[in-house]
Amino acid sequence: MQVIEPAGLLIVNPNKMTKVGNQVSYRLLPGSPASPVLSNDVYPQICALFTKYQAWVTPYNRSEEWAGGLYADRSHGDDTLYIWTNRNRHRKQGYSVLAHIGLPPYPVLGRFSGDANAEWWV
């Protein structure tokens, strides 16, 4: 089992300012990360590889709405959040999606507009 160190995620949109004059930004502070119990080669984990990490950032694509695939029970693991983020697509100006796997039993997708930059910090 791999131990993952907790880290925060800061997303900043340099093109938008608040009323006070600061850049619009979002900060995600995860709790203690939990590693999945299943190995990566068993069927339920293949369909749910997005549970390996608590936060994922990927360019917005309208067809990529469900982290476990459109029909998670019929998925072969080829249309999941894990696959979308591993494509390492270059993000042009547009929407980004932050998927946070936290307390709810399902991933929560948040859409950030403009030219938001995501950066990891410890």
Protein backbone atom coordinates (compact mmCIF):
# COMPACT_ATOMS: atom_id res chain seq x y z
CA MET A 1 0.00 0.00 0.00
CA GLN A 2 1.35 3.41 -0.96
CA VAL A 3 1.28 6.29 1.52
CA ILE A 4 0.33 9.60 -0.09
CA GLU A 5 1.29 12.86 1.55
CA PRO A 6 -1.54 15.39 1.88
CA ALA A 7 -1.16 18.52 -0.23
CA GLY A 8 -3.29 21.49 -1.14
CA LEU A 9 -4.40 22.66 -4.55
CA LEU A 10 -4.60 26.35 -5.44
CA ILE A 11 -6.42 27.48 -8.60
CA VAL A 12 -5.95 31.10 -9.64
CA ASN A 13 -7.66 32.97 -12.47
CA PRO A 14 -5.39 35.93 -13.37
CA ASN A 15 -8.02 37.35 -15.76
CA LYS A 16 -10.66 38.00 -13.08
CA MET A 17 -10.42 40.23 -10.03
CA THR A 18 -12.49 40.42 -6.86
CA LYS A 19 -14.06 43.67 -5.64
CA VAL A 20 -11.08 44.08 -3.31
CA GLY A 21 -8.63 43.76 -6.22
CA ASN A 22 -7.32 40.25 -5.65
CA GLN A 23 -7.26 37.55 -8.30
CA VAL A 24 -10.18 35.13 -8.17
CA SER A 25 -8.88 31.90 -6.70
CA TYR A 26 -10.00 28.66 -5.10
CA ARG A 27 -8.13 26.58 -2.55
CA LEU A 28 -8.76 22.91 -1.94
CA LEU A 29 -7.52 21.56 1.38
CA PRO A 30 -8.03 17.80 1.47
CA GLY A 31 -8.11 15.82 4.67
CA SER A 32 -6.05 12.73 5.25
CA PRO A 33 -5.76 10.88 1.95
CA ALA A 34 -6.97 7.30 1.94
CA SER A 35 -5.56 4.74 -0.46
CA PRO A 36 -7.90 2.29 -2.20
CA VAL A 37 -7.89 -1.24 -0.79
CA LEU A 38 -8.24 -3.01 -4.16
CA SER A 39 -5.29 -3.62 -6.48
CA ASN A 40 -5.25 -1.84 -9.85
CA ASP A 41 -5.93 -4.99 -11.91
CA VAL A 42 -9.29 -6.08 -10.43
CA TYR A 43 -12.44 -5.08 -12.31
CA PRO A 44 -14.03 -2.72 -9.72
CA GLN A 45 -10.78 -0.79 -9.37
CA ILE A 46 -10.25 -0.61 -13.15
CA CYS A 47 -13.58 1.22 -13.39
CA ALA A 48 -12.76 3.38 -10.37
CA LEU A 49 -9.07 4.22 -10.79
CA PHE A 50 -10.00 7.84 -10.11
CA THR A 51 -10.09 6.90 -6.39
CA LYS A 52 -6.26 6.70 -6.37
CA TYR A 53 -6.04 10.46 -5.71
CA GLN A 54 -8.37 12.96 -4.07
CA ALA A 55 -8.08 15.72 -6.67
CA TRP A 56 -7.84 15.66 -10.47
CA VAL A 57 -7.62 18.62 -12.88
CA THR A 58 -8.35 18.24 -16.58
CA PRO A 59 -9.51 20.48 -19.45
CA TYR A 60 -13.28 20.66 -19.78
CA ASN A 61 -14.84 18.40 -22.38
CA ARG A 62 -18.62 18.16 -22.59
CA SER A 63 -18.55 14.40 -23.23
CA GLU A 64 -16.41 13.76 -20.12
CA GLU A 65 -19.07 14.23 -17.47
CA TRP A 66 -19.08 11.02 -15.42
CA ALA A 67 -15.88 10.06 -13.58
CA GLY A 68 -16.67 6.35 -13.80
CA GLY A 69 -17.83 6.49 -17.41
CA LEU A 70 -21.36 7.03 -18.70
CA TYR A 71 -22.44 3.58 -17.54
CA ALA A 72 -20.04 2.70 -14.71
CA ASP A 73 -21.35 -0.86 -14.40
CA ARG A 74 -20.53 -1.51 -18.08
CA SER A 75 -17.25 0.39 -18.20
CA HIS A 76 -14.00 -1.25 -19.23
CA GLY A 77 -11.98 1.57 -17.65
CA ASP A 78 -11.34 3.33 -20.97
CA ASP A 79 -13.70 6.29 -20.45
CA THR A 80 -12.97 7.32 -16.87
CA LEU A 81 -11.51 10.35 -15.13
CA TYR A 82 -8.21 8.48 -14.70
CA ILE A 83 -7.86 8.07 -18.48
CA TRP A 84 -8.91 11.66 -19.25
CA THR A 85 -6.31 13.19 -16.95
CA ASN A 86 -3.52 10.86 -18.12
CA ARG A 87 -3.93 12.12 -21.69
CA ASN A 88 -1.92 15.21 -20.61
CA ARG A 89 -3.80 17.42 -23.05
CA HIS A 90 -2.53 20.96 -23.37
CA ARG A 91 -5.22 23.25 -22.02
CA LYS A 92 -5.88 26.37 -24.01
CA GLN A 93 -7.89 29.23 -22.57
CA GLY A 94 -11.23 27.84 -21.51
CA TYR A 95 -12.81 25.81 -18.77
CA SER A 96 -10.97 23.47 -16.44
CA VAL A 97 -12.55 20.76 -14.35
CA LEU A 98 -11.45 19.97 -10.82
CA ALA A 99 -12.70 16.60 -9.61
CA HIS A 100 -12.49 16.22 -5.86
CA ILE A 101 -12.90 12.77 -4.37
CA GLY A 102 -13.68 13.56 -0.75
CA LEU A 103 -16.41 12.94 1.78
CA PRO A 104 -19.29 12.29 -0.64
CA PRO A 105 -19.37 8.73 -2.03
CA TYR A 106 -19.17 10.15 -5.56
CA PRO A 107 -16.68 12.53 -7.22
CA VAL A 108 -17.66 16.19 -7.17
CA LEU A 109 -16.85 18.05 -10.37
CA GLY A 110 -16.25 21.79 -10.23
CA ARG A 111 -15.88 23.85 -13.37
CA PHE A 112 -13.57 26.86 -13.33
CA SER A 113 -13.88 29.41 -16.11
CA GLY A 114 -11.36 31.57 -17.86
CA ASP A 115 -7.64 30.96 -17.84
CA ALA A 116 -7.33 29.41 -14.40
CA ASN A 117 -3.95 28.03 -13.42
CA ALA A 118 -3.70 25.06 -11.10
CA GLU A 119 -0.63 24.66 -8.96
CA TRP A 120 0.26 22.23 -6.21
CA TRP A 121 1.62 23.46 -2.92
CA VAL A 122 2.59 21.68 0.26
